[in-house]
Structures are given as C-alpha cells and as structure tokens.
Amino acid sequence: MMKDRLLLSMAVEATLLPQGNRRRIESNIKQIIMLETVKYLIGSAGTSGFGSKSTGEEVTAAAASRLRSITAIVTGATSGIGAETARVLAMRGARLVLPARNLKAAEETKMRIATEFPGAEIVVLPLDLSSFASVRCFVSRFLALRLPLNLLMYAFPRYFFIINSYALSRYSLLNRGSVSNRNNAGKFSHDYAVTEDGVEMTFATNYLGHFLLTKLLLNKMAETARETGIQGRIVNVTSAIHTWFSGDSLHYLDLITGQKVPYDGTRVYALSKLANVLHAMELTLRLQQMEANVTANCVHPGIVRTGLTRDREGLVTDLAFSLMSKLLKTIPQAAATTCYVAAHPGLEGVSGKYYADCNEASPSTSACSREEATRMWLASEVMTARFRLEALPPSEEAEM
C-alpha cells in the first residue's frame, strides 16, 4: 500500500519537473514496477505472510476453528473462483448457502463438495442477481430457513485477465492509454442490454443486485453477530480494472442506460467494479452507525483464466494465454484473497479496505471518495426501489 502511494507521488512529481529530472523519476517508477512484478511472479509474501501464489486452503488454515461455526452465503459458486471458495469453506466446516440462477449447476457443485467432504451442510436456493424481484424472493426463502448468517461473500464463477494488472495500473500513470487490458469478473456484456427493471445489465448484475441483497440481509447479519459473538464479514469481489473508470459515474450510467452514447462494455464493467469498492466504503460507515459487529471489505482476486472468455476462444486467445501462462494464477490461488478476507483472524475488526494477493492494496482515487460512495449508495437505493411488485409471489411479497 505504501508503494502505491509512493508511485503516485513520484508520478505526480514527474509531471512538474524539467525533462531531465522527469526521465530519472520515470525510470525509477519503471524499476519499482518491474520489482513488484517479479515479486508477483515468484509469489513473494507480503506483510500478511501470504502472496500471489498462496492458496485458499493455506490462508484459511489459521481460521479452521472459527469457520466450523459459521453460515456463509457464497454467490457465483457454480464454477471457477466461487466454486473453489465454497469448497475451501466447506472443507473448514462452514455451512454453505449457494444462490444460483442455474440450479442444476449449483446442485452439481453441491454434489462435488459433498463427495469430497461428506459431512458438509449445503443449501441451494434460486437467485438471479440481475432481477430485484429474484433478490427479494431469495431473501424471503433464506430467512424462512431461520439460519444464522455470518459471512456474505460475492464471489464470481468466472474470471479473466489478460495482462498483469499490477504493472499496468501503475505504468498507466506515465503512459495513459498506451496499453490495453481487460479484466472480466462476473458479468461482462459486449452488447447493450437492460434488465427487467430497466437497468443496464452489467451494472445490475455485478453491483445493484449485490447492493440490494446486502441491504436486505444486514439486520440478519447484525443479529447473528450479536447473538453468537462472532464478527460478521461481507466480502465484495471487485477488479483492478475499476481503476480505468473516470468521470461522473452516475451521469455515465444514465447516458448508457438511455443509449445516449455508444455502448462500451469495458467501461461499463469498470464502473460496476468501481461501485463494488465504493459500496464497501459506505457500507462500513453505515455498519458503524448501526453499531453492528460486521465488517465489509473488497478484493481483487488476481490473474486467472476461466470460462468468461468462452465466447472469445480461438487461436489468438489460446496463443496469448500460452505465452503468458506464468502470469496466470491457478483457481486455488485466485480464491486465496477472497478466502483470506473472509476468514483470517488477522482481519478481525478491519473494514472498508481493498485487498489483492492477500494483502491490503490501494484502489483508485475515485474509489477513495467518501462523497462519491455516499452518492452511489443513495442512487442505488432509488434504483433498487423500482422493482416490480407483481413479480413476487403473494406470500413472499407480504413478508418483505
């Protein structure tokens, strides 16, 4: 985190100095970037004791006793990072609730975990995060089970990254726009689409659905923490590409939703990931105001190739990934940061932070704006209130 601030300071300084001195500072920045990239490649441990090559099993070893007594909701557990996160939590004894749009895939995940860990307790419930009505139905069904809720984790089943984000996000300080990267976690739409609630699809699926689900379950989490004495944790999975969004986020969302500007899937995706980071910041403040023993943090899982690129498969893609194989994490390594933030005892009481490679990192300047976080929250409340009441079954509508 200190290196992030140092690089930013050096980059700003470089823009204010004569050409000769500027080149010297730029050279120093590039050396730091290369050093950090080497550390990433060899898996050098950070202050947490873990690094890019750590696995979910390794980072949860110290939390085994704690995890045996918790109930966790893990979204995106049908494949990839989400499935590995669920597997590790089950291995440590946690009770799992797996929401899924594809119930068959979720049942297959449940079967695989139960085969490996016969004593695992796993509940599968339907959930489509792009639908506000579906989110409310899920909450009704979950609350009807009368289970506690200690951990709310928004993992993603599929994750794709094409170039080292650590280096690129810093190198771009000096060469803005000269390199191209794409980091896809969760929903990434190449084409414009809106949900049944009239919200742009990527933003709704990656952020608004999570926002509403979290809001509806906050009281249950606070109640569980109060009754059990175990601190609750909320983990948002974001992406390093959130740093590539700049400008007025809500104004841009309005333009995109109204098709007033050409659709840019990468920028919309970056906006949804920025919203995840802002959500953790504002949620931390509101949890403190509630005096709830619950924390909220966000994570960038890392560099891994999974199924989100299935519609872009081909010779060029396969060749690129073959050449860059040393940069890519395995699924167990990619799940490490989500597992670390969800379970490690060293993060007791830590909230509103951003993590990468199992260590605290610095998000973008926009993601650190308290004003923007509050603004995004208030707008999200308005947007999620516009759901279709008729889509709810009568009994569940009355309960909510």
Protein backbone atom coordinates (compact mmCIF):
# COMPACT_ATOMS: atom_id res chain seq x y z
CA MET A 1 0.00 0.00 0.00
CA MET A 2 2.87 2.35 0.79
CA LYS A 3 4.41 1.52 -2.60
CA ASP A 4 1.16 2.52 -4.30
CA ARG A 5 1.28 5.93 -2.63
CA LEU A 6 4.97 6.31 -3.41
CA LEU A 7 4.39 5.56 -7.10
CA LEU A 8 1.52 8.02 -7.26
CA SER A 9 3.58 10.73 -5.58
CA MET A 10 6.50 10.09 -7.92
CA ALA A 11 4.26 10.17 -11.00
CA VAL A 12 2.73 13.49 -9.97
CA GLU A 13 6.17 14.90 -9.23
CA ALA A 14 7.41 13.78 -12.64
CA THR A 15 4.81 15.92 -14.40
CA LEU A 16 6.07 19.05 -12.61
CA LEU A 17 9.80 18.67 -13.23
CA PRO A 18 12.11 19.56 -16.15
CA GLN A 19 12.56 16.89 -18.84
CA GLY A 20 15.86 15.53 -17.46
CA ASN A 21 14.62 15.04 -13.93
CA ARG A 22 11.33 13.71 -15.22
CA ARG A 23 13.08 10.93 -17.11
CA ARG A 24 15.00 9.96 -13.99
CA ILE A 25 11.82 9.66 -11.94
CA GLU A 26 10.05 7.76 -14.72
CA SER A 27 12.97 5.35 -14.79
CA ASN A 28 12.69 4.84 -11.01
CA ILE A 29 8.97 4.19 -11.31
CA LYS A 30 9.51 1.57 -14.00
CA GLN A 31 12.15 -0.12 -11.83
CA ILE A 32 9.70 -0.31 -8.93
CA ILE A 33 7.05 -1.71 -11.26
CA MET A 34 9.45 -4.36 -12.52
CA LEU A 35 10.44 -5.29 -8.95
CA GLU A 36 6.80 -5.64 -7.88
CA THR A 37 6.06 -7.71 -10.98
CA VAL A 38 8.95 -10.05 -10.14
CA LYS A 39 7.63 -10.36 -6.59
CA TYR A 40 4.24 -11.23 -8.01
CA LEU A 41 5.68 -13.87 -10.36
CA ILE A 42 7.67 -15.63 -7.64
CA GLY A 43 4.83 -15.31 -5.12
CA SER A 44 6.78 -13.27 -2.60
CA ALA A 45 4.80 -12.94 0.65
CA GLY A 46 3.60 -9.53 1.78
CA THR A 47 3.04 -8.23 5.31
CA SER A 48 0.18 -10.69 5.80
CA GLY A 49 2.54 -13.61 5.30
CA PHE A 50 0.83 -14.56 2.05
CA GLY A 51 1.26 -13.61 -1.59
CA SER A 52 0.16 -14.24 -5.16
CA LYS A 53 0.98 -17.96 -5.02
CA SER A 54 -0.87 -18.66 -1.77
CA THR A 55 -3.98 -20.83 -1.96
CA GLY A 56 -7.38 -20.71 -0.30
CA GLU A 57 -6.53 -23.74 1.80
CA GLU A 58 -3.30 -22.16 3.05
CA VAL A 59 -4.82 -18.83 4.07
CA THR A 60 -7.72 -20.45 5.97
CA ALA A 61 -5.61 -22.88 8.00
CA ALA A 62 -5.45 -20.47 10.95
CA ALA A 63 -9.22 -19.93 10.82
CA ALA A 64 -10.36 -23.56 10.85
CA SER A 65 -11.92 -23.41 14.31
CA ARG A 66 -13.79 -20.18 13.54
CA LEU A 67 -15.17 -21.43 10.23
CA ARG A 68 -16.62 -24.57 11.81
CA SER A 69 -19.30 -22.48 13.49
CA ILE A 70 -20.38 -20.14 10.69
CA THR A 71 -23.02 -19.98 7.97
CA ALA A 72 -21.91 -18.44 4.69
CA ILE A 73 -23.81 -17.28 1.61
CA VAL A 74 -21.48 -17.56 -1.39
CA THR A 75 -22.70 -16.29 -4.76
CA GLY A 76 -21.11 -17.43 -8.01
CA ALA A 77 -20.24 -20.85 -6.59
CA THR A 78 -21.11 -22.88 -9.69
CA SER A 79 -17.59 -22.78 -11.14
CA GLY A 80 -14.17 -21.15 -11.00
CA ILE A 81 -13.21 -18.93 -8.09
CA GLY A 82 -16.65 -19.10 -6.50
CA ALA A 83 -16.68 -22.91 -6.55
CA GLU A 84 -13.18 -23.12 -5.08
CA THR A 85 -14.06 -20.60 -2.36
CA ALA A 86 -17.13 -22.65 -1.44
CA ARG A 87 -15.08 -25.86 -1.44
CA VAL A 88 -12.47 -24.41 0.92
CA LEU A 89 -15.10 -23.04 3.31
CA ALA A 90 -16.85 -26.44 3.34
CA MET A 91 -13.52 -28.16 3.98
CA ARG A 92 -13.12 -25.95 7.07
CA GLY A 93 -16.59 -26.89 8.28
CA ALA A 94 -18.71 -23.88 7.31
CA ARG A 95 -22.39 -24.34 6.47
CA LEU A 96 -22.96 -23.08 2.90
CA VAL A 97 -25.90 -21.44 1.20
CA LEU A 98 -25.33 -21.37 -2.56
CA PRO A 99 -27.58 -18.99 -4.51
CA ALA A 100 -27.65 -19.64 -8.25
CA ARG A 101 -29.57 -18.82 -11.39
CA ASN A 102 -28.58 -22.22 -12.81
CA LEU A 103 -29.86 -24.61 -10.14
CA LYS A 104 -28.55 -27.68 -11.97
CA ALA A 105 -25.02 -26.29 -11.92
CA ALA A 106 -25.38 -25.37 -8.23
CA GLU A 107 -26.58 -28.89 -7.38
CA GLU A 108 -23.57 -30.31 -9.22
CA THR A 109 -21.29 -28.06 -7.15
CA LYS A 110 -23.05 -29.25 -4.00
CA MET A 111 -22.57 -32.89 -5.05
CA ARG A 112 -18.86 -32.41 -5.76
CA ILE A 113 -18.28 -30.76 -2.39
CA ALA A 114 -20.37 -33.35 -0.52
CA THR A 115 -18.43 -36.16 -2.21
CA GLU A 116 -15.14 -34.68 -1.06
CA PHE A 117 -16.43 -33.66 2.37
CA PRO A 118 -19.33 -35.99 3.31
CA GLY A 119 -20.28 -34.00 6.40
CA ALA A 120 -20.71 -30.72 4.53
CA GLU A 121 -24.04 -28.93 5.03
CA ILE A 122 -25.06 -27.16 1.83
CA VAL A 123 -28.30 -25.45 0.84
CA VAL A 124 -29.04 -24.41 -2.77
CA LEU A 125 -31.51 -21.59 -3.46
CA PRO A 126 -32.52 -19.83 -6.69
CA LEU A 127 -31.18 -16.32 -7.30
CA ASP A 128 -30.78 -14.11 -10.35
CA LEU A 129 -28.80 -11.05 -9.28
CA SER A 130 -29.95 -9.09 -12.33
CA SER A 131 -33.54 -9.21 -11.02
CA PHE A 132 -34.58 -7.21 -7.96
CA ALA A 133 -37.65 -9.42 -7.55
CA SER A 134 -35.46 -12.53 -7.56
CA VAL A 135 -33.19 -11.00 -4.91
CA ARG A 136 -36.17 -10.31 -2.66
CA CYS A 137 -37.53 -13.82 -3.21
CA PHE A 138 -34.16 -15.28 -2.27
CA VAL A 139 -34.05 -13.25 0.93
CA SER A 140 -37.55 -14.44 1.86
CA ARG A 141 -36.59 -18.06 1.28
CA PHE A 142 -33.34 -17.71 3.22
CA LEU A 143 -34.95 -16.01 6.21
CA ALA A 144 -37.62 -18.72 6.27
CA LEU A 145 -34.85 -21.28 6.93
CA ARG A 146 -34.10 -19.47 10.23
CA LEU A 147 -30.38 -19.94 9.80
CA PRO A 148 -27.75 -17.59 11.21
CA LEU A 149 -25.67 -15.55 8.75
CA ASN A 150 -22.01 -14.86 9.50
CA LEU A 151 -20.49 -14.42 6.05
CA LEU A 152 -21.87 -12.85 2.89
CA MET A 153 -19.46 -13.36 0.01
CA TYR A 154 -19.92 -12.12 -3.52
CA ALA A 155 -17.54 -14.42 -5.34
CA PHE A 156 -17.72 -14.79 -9.10
CA PRO A 157 -17.74 -18.05 -11.02
CA ARG A 158 -15.66 -16.84 -13.95
CA TYR A 159 -12.67 -14.52 -14.09
CA PHE A 160 -10.46 -13.38 -16.95
CA PHE A 161 -7.42 -11.17 -17.07
CA ILE A 162 -5.10 -10.67 -20.00
CA ILE A 163 -2.08 -8.70 -18.72
CA ASN A 164 -0.52 -8.10 -15.31
CA SER A 165 -2.86 -5.56 -13.72
CA TYR A 166 -0.39 -4.64 -11.01
CA ALA A 167 2.12 -3.37 -13.56
CA LEU A 168 -0.40 -1.91 -15.98
CA SER A 169 -2.38 0.12 -13.47
CA ARG A 170 0.83 1.81 -12.35
CA TYR A 171 2.54 2.06 -15.75
CA SER A 172 -0.56 3.87 -16.99
CA LEU A 173 0.31 6.78 -14.71
CA LEU A 174 3.07 7.61 -17.19
CA ASN A 175 1.59 6.15 -20.38
CA ARG A 176 -2.17 6.63 -20.07
CA GLY A 177 -3.95 4.88 -22.90
CA SER A 178 -0.83 3.32 -24.45
CA VAL A 179 -1.63 -0.17 -23.20
CA SER A 180 -4.86 -2.11 -23.31
CA ASN A 181 -6.11 -4.58 -20.71
CA ARG A 182 -9.38 -6.27 -19.89
CA ASN A 183 -10.25 -7.80 -16.58
CA ASN A 184 -13.59 -9.59 -16.51
CA ALA A 185 -15.14 -10.94 -13.33
CA GLY A 186 -18.78 -11.92 -13.17
CA LYS A 187 -20.97 -10.37 -15.83
CA PHE A 188 -19.36 -8.74 -18.84
CA SER A 189 -21.58 -7.76 -21.77
CA HIS A 190 -20.12 -6.98 -25.16
CA ASP A 191 -23.52 -5.70 -26.29
CA TYR A 192 -26.03 -3.34 -24.73
CA ALA A 193 -28.81 -4.97 -22.69
CA VAL A 194 -31.13 -3.93 -19.87
CA THR A 195 -32.72 -5.97 -17.09
CA GLU A 196 -36.43 -6.42 -16.43
CA ASP A 197 -36.06 -3.49 -14.02
CA GLY A 198 -34.75 -1.20 -16.76
CA VAL A 199 -31.14 -1.10 -15.55
CA GLU A 200 -28.07 -1.74 -17.71
CA MET A 201 -27.34 -5.48 -17.41
CA THR A 202 -23.66 -5.50 -16.35
CA PHE A 203 -24.14 -2.80 -13.71
CA ALA A 204 -27.26 -4.52 -12.35
CA THR A 205 -25.70 -7.97 -12.15
CA ASN A 206 -22.27 -7.01 -10.84
CA TYR A 207 -23.35 -4.33 -8.40
CA LEU A 208 -27.01 -3.43 -7.88
CA GLY A 209 -28.14 -6.98 -7.18
CA HIS A 210 -25.40 -7.26 -4.57
CA PHE A 211 -26.32 -3.91 -3.08
CA LEU A 212 -29.95 -4.93 -2.62
CA LEU A 213 -29.11 -8.39 -1.28
CA THR A 214 -26.69 -6.91 1.25
CA LYS A 215 -29.18 -4.28 2.37
CA LEU A 216 -31.93 -6.85 2.92
CA LEU A 217 -29.63 -9.14 4.94
CA LEU A 218 -27.86 -6.54 7.09
CA ASN A 219 -30.19 -6.91 10.06
CA LYS A 220 -29.83 -10.71 9.98
CA MET A 221 -26.03 -10.39 9.96
CA ALA A 222 -26.04 -7.87 12.81
CA GLU A 223 -28.39 -10.11 14.80
CA THR A 224 -26.21 -13.18 14.23
CA ALA A 225 -23.06 -11.35 15.30
CA ARG A 226 -24.80 -10.07 18.43
CA GLU A 227 -26.15 -13.49 19.41
CA THR A 228 -23.05 -15.57 18.62
CA GLY A 229 -20.27 -13.12 19.42
CA ILE A 230 -18.69 -13.95 16.05
CA GLN A 231 -17.95 -10.92 13.91
CA GLY A 232 -19.79 -10.99 10.59
CA ARG A 233 -17.97 -10.33 7.35
CA ILE A 234 -19.12 -9.08 3.94
CA VAL A 235 -16.72 -9.60 1.04
CA ASN A 236 -17.20 -7.85 -2.31
CA VAL A 237 -15.21 -9.22 -5.22
CA THR A 238 -14.14 -6.31 -7.41
CA SER A 239 -11.42 -5.98 -10.05
CA ALA A 240 -8.30 -3.95 -10.70
CA ILE A 241 -9.99 -2.64 -13.82
CA HIS A 242 -12.10 -0.37 -11.59
CA THR A 243 -9.11 1.98 -11.85
CA TRP A 244 -9.86 2.51 -15.54
CA PHE A 245 -13.13 4.31 -14.95
CA SER A 246 -13.01 8.07 -14.61
CA GLY A 247 -15.67 10.74 -14.74
CA ASP A 248 -19.14 11.12 -13.26
CA SER A 249 -20.24 7.53 -12.66
CA LEU A 250 -23.97 8.13 -12.27
CA HIS A 251 -24.15 10.51 -15.22
CA TYR A 252 -22.37 7.95 -17.40
CA LEU A 253 -24.74 5.21 -16.22
CA ASP A 254 -27.69 7.40 -17.19
CA LEU A 255 -26.19 8.02 -20.64
CA ILE A 256 -25.54 4.33 -21.21
CA THR A 257 -28.93 3.19 -19.95
CA GLY A 258 -30.67 5.73 -22.17
CA GLN A 259 -28.43 4.78 -25.12
CA LYS A 260 -27.32 8.40 -25.44
CA VAL A 261 -23.70 7.36 -26.04
CA PRO A 262 -22.15 4.34 -27.80
CA TYR A 263 -22.03 1.26 -25.59
CA ASP A 264 -18.57 0.48 -24.19
CA GLY A 265 -18.71 -2.87 -22.38
CA THR A 266 -15.27 -2.48 -20.81
CA ARG A 267 -16.05 0.94 -19.35
CA VAL A 268 -19.42 -0.20 -18.02
CA TYR A 269 -17.75 -3.21 -16.46
CA ALA A 270 -15.13 -0.94 -14.86
CA LEU A 271 -17.93 1.24 -13.49
CA SER A 272 -19.65 -1.78 -11.91
CA LYS A 273 -16.38 -2.78 -10.24
CA LEU A 274 -15.78 0.76 -9.00
CA ALA A 275 -19.26 0.66 -7.48
CA ASN A 276 -18.30 -2.52 -5.59
CA VAL A 277 -15.38 -0.69 -3.95
CA LEU A 278 -17.46 2.37 -3.11
CA HIS A 279 -20.11 0.07 -1.65
CA ALA A 280 -17.65 -1.44 0.84
CA MET A 281 -16.56 2.03 1.95
CA GLU A 282 -20.07 3.39 2.52
CA LEU A 283 -21.28 0.10 4.00
CA THR A 284 -18.51 0.27 6.59
CA LEU A 285 -19.75 3.67 7.74
CA ARG A 286 -23.37 2.53 7.96
CA LEU A 287 -22.45 -0.63 9.86
CA GLN A 288 -20.62 1.53 12.38
CA GLN A 289 -23.69 3.73 12.72
CA MET A 290 -25.76 0.59 13.35
CA GLU A 291 -23.18 -0.49 15.95
CA ALA A 292 -23.16 -3.82 14.14
CA ASN A 293 -20.26 -6.21 14.71
CA VAL A 294 -19.90 -6.73 10.96
CA THR A 295 -17.14 -5.70 8.56
CA ALA A 296 -17.15 -5.07 4.80
CA ASN A 297 -14.13 -5.28 2.51
CA CYS A 298 -13.46 -5.83 -1.19
CA VAL A 299 -10.91 -7.91 -3.05
CA HIS A 300 -9.24 -8.20 -6.44
CA PRO A 301 -8.79 -11.97 -6.82
CA GLY A 302 -5.86 -11.90 -9.22
CA ILE A 303 -4.90 -13.08 -12.66
CA VAL A 304 -6.62 -16.25 -13.78
CA ARG A 305 -8.31 -17.56 -16.88
CA THR A 306 -11.71 -19.22 -16.57
CA GLY A 307 -14.90 -19.54 -18.54
CA LEU A 308 -15.84 -15.89 -19.04
CA THR A 309 -13.79 -15.87 -22.24
CA ARG A 310 -15.60 -18.82 -23.80
CA ASP A 311 -17.13 -16.58 -26.49
CA ARG A 312 -13.69 -15.25 -27.39
CA GLU A 313 -11.87 -18.59 -27.70
CA GLY A 314 -9.60 -19.07 -30.71
CA LEU A 315 -6.04 -19.39 -31.90
CA VAL A 316 -5.00 -15.85 -30.95
CA THR A 317 -6.54 -16.08 -27.46
CA ASP A 318 -5.03 -19.52 -26.83
CA LEU A 319 -1.61 -18.38 -28.04
CA ALA A 320 -1.72 -15.27 -25.84
CA PHE A 321 -2.55 -17.28 -22.76
CA SER A 322 0.08 -19.86 -23.59
CA LEU A 323 2.74 -17.14 -23.81
CA MET A 324 1.56 -15.51 -20.59
CA SER A 325 1.00 -18.68 -18.58
CA LYS A 326 3.48 -17.57 -15.94
CA LEU A 327 1.28 -14.57 -15.16
CA LEU A 328 -1.87 -16.60 -14.61
CA LYS A 329 -2.98 -17.88 -11.24
CA THR A 330 -4.46 -21.29 -10.69
CA ILE A 331 -8.04 -21.35 -9.42
CA PRO A 332 -6.92 -22.26 -5.85
CA GLN A 333 -4.50 -19.31 -5.91
CA ALA A 334 -7.15 -16.97 -7.31
CA ALA A 335 -9.51 -17.93 -4.47
CA ALA A 336 -6.89 -17.17 -1.83
CA THR A 337 -7.64 -13.46 -1.37
CA THR A 338 -11.40 -13.98 -1.07
CA CYS A 339 -10.79 -16.74 1.50
CA TYR A 340 -8.22 -14.63 3.35
CA VAL A 341 -10.51 -11.63 3.73
CA ALA A 342 -13.46 -13.86 4.62
CA ALA A 343 -11.76 -15.86 7.32
CA HIS A 344 -8.32 -14.84 8.51
CA PRO A 345 -8.23 -13.88 12.21
CA GLY A 346 -5.76 -11.08 11.44
CA LEU A 347 -8.56 -9.09 9.80
CA GLU A 348 -10.80 -9.00 12.86
CA GLY A 349 -12.29 -5.50 13.02
CA VAL A 350 -10.77 -4.41 9.69
CA SER A 351 -13.36 -2.82 7.40
CA GLY A 352 -13.63 -0.67 4.29
CA LYS A 353 -10.35 -1.90 2.79
CA TYR A 354 -9.23 -3.19 -0.61
CA TYR A 355 -7.12 -6.35 -0.93
CA ALA A 356 -5.07 -8.00 -3.68
CA ASP A 357 -2.79 -11.03 -3.39
CA CYS A 358 -3.88 -11.44 0.25
CA ASN A 359 -2.53 -8.03 1.25
CA GLU A 360 -4.04 -4.59 1.61
CA ALA A 361 -3.65 -2.51 -1.54
CA SER A 362 -4.71 0.90 -2.80
CA PRO A 363 -7.80 1.31 -5.00
CA SER A 364 -8.18 4.18 -7.46
CA THR A 365 -8.56 7.79 -6.37
CA SER A 366 -12.23 7.70 -7.38
CA ALA A 367 -12.75 4.63 -5.18
CA CYS A 368 -11.46 6.56 -2.15
CA SER A 369 -14.03 9.36 -2.42
CA ARG A 370 -16.34 9.39 0.58
CA GLU A 371 -18.65 11.79 -1.21
CA GLU A 372 -18.89 9.53 -4.26
CA ALA A 373 -19.53 6.48 -2.07
CA THR A 374 -22.47 8.19 -0.36
CA ARG A 375 -23.78 9.45 -3.69
CA MET A 376 -23.62 5.95 -5.20
CA TRP A 377 -25.41 4.48 -2.17
CA LEU A 378 -28.28 6.96 -2.30
CA ALA A 379 -28.71 6.47 -6.04
CA SER A 380 -28.64 2.70 -5.54
CA GLU A 381 -31.46 2.91 -3.00
CA VAL A 382 -33.57 4.76 -5.54
CA MET A 383 -32.77 2.33 -8.37
CA THR A 384 -33.42 -0.83 -6.34
CA ALA A 385 -36.74 0.55 -5.08
CA ARG A 386 -38.06 0.45 -8.66
CA PHE A 387 -38.78 -3.27 -8.75
CA ARG A 388 -41.94 -4.94 -9.98
CA LEU A 389 -44.15 -5.93 -7.09
CA GLU A 390 -46.20 -8.20 -9.31
CA ALA A 391 -43.14 -10.40 -9.89
CA LEU A 392 -43.19 -11.53 -6.26
CA PRO A 393 -45.31 -14.47 -5.09
CA PRO A 394 -48.08 -13.12 -2.77
CA SER A 395 -46.74 -14.74 0.42
CA GLU A 396 -43.18 -13.52 -0.16
CA GLU A 397 -44.33 -10.04 -1.16
CA ALA A 398 -46.26 -9.76 2.09
CA GLU A 399 -43.28 -11.00 4.12
CA MET A 400 -40.93 -8.43 2.60
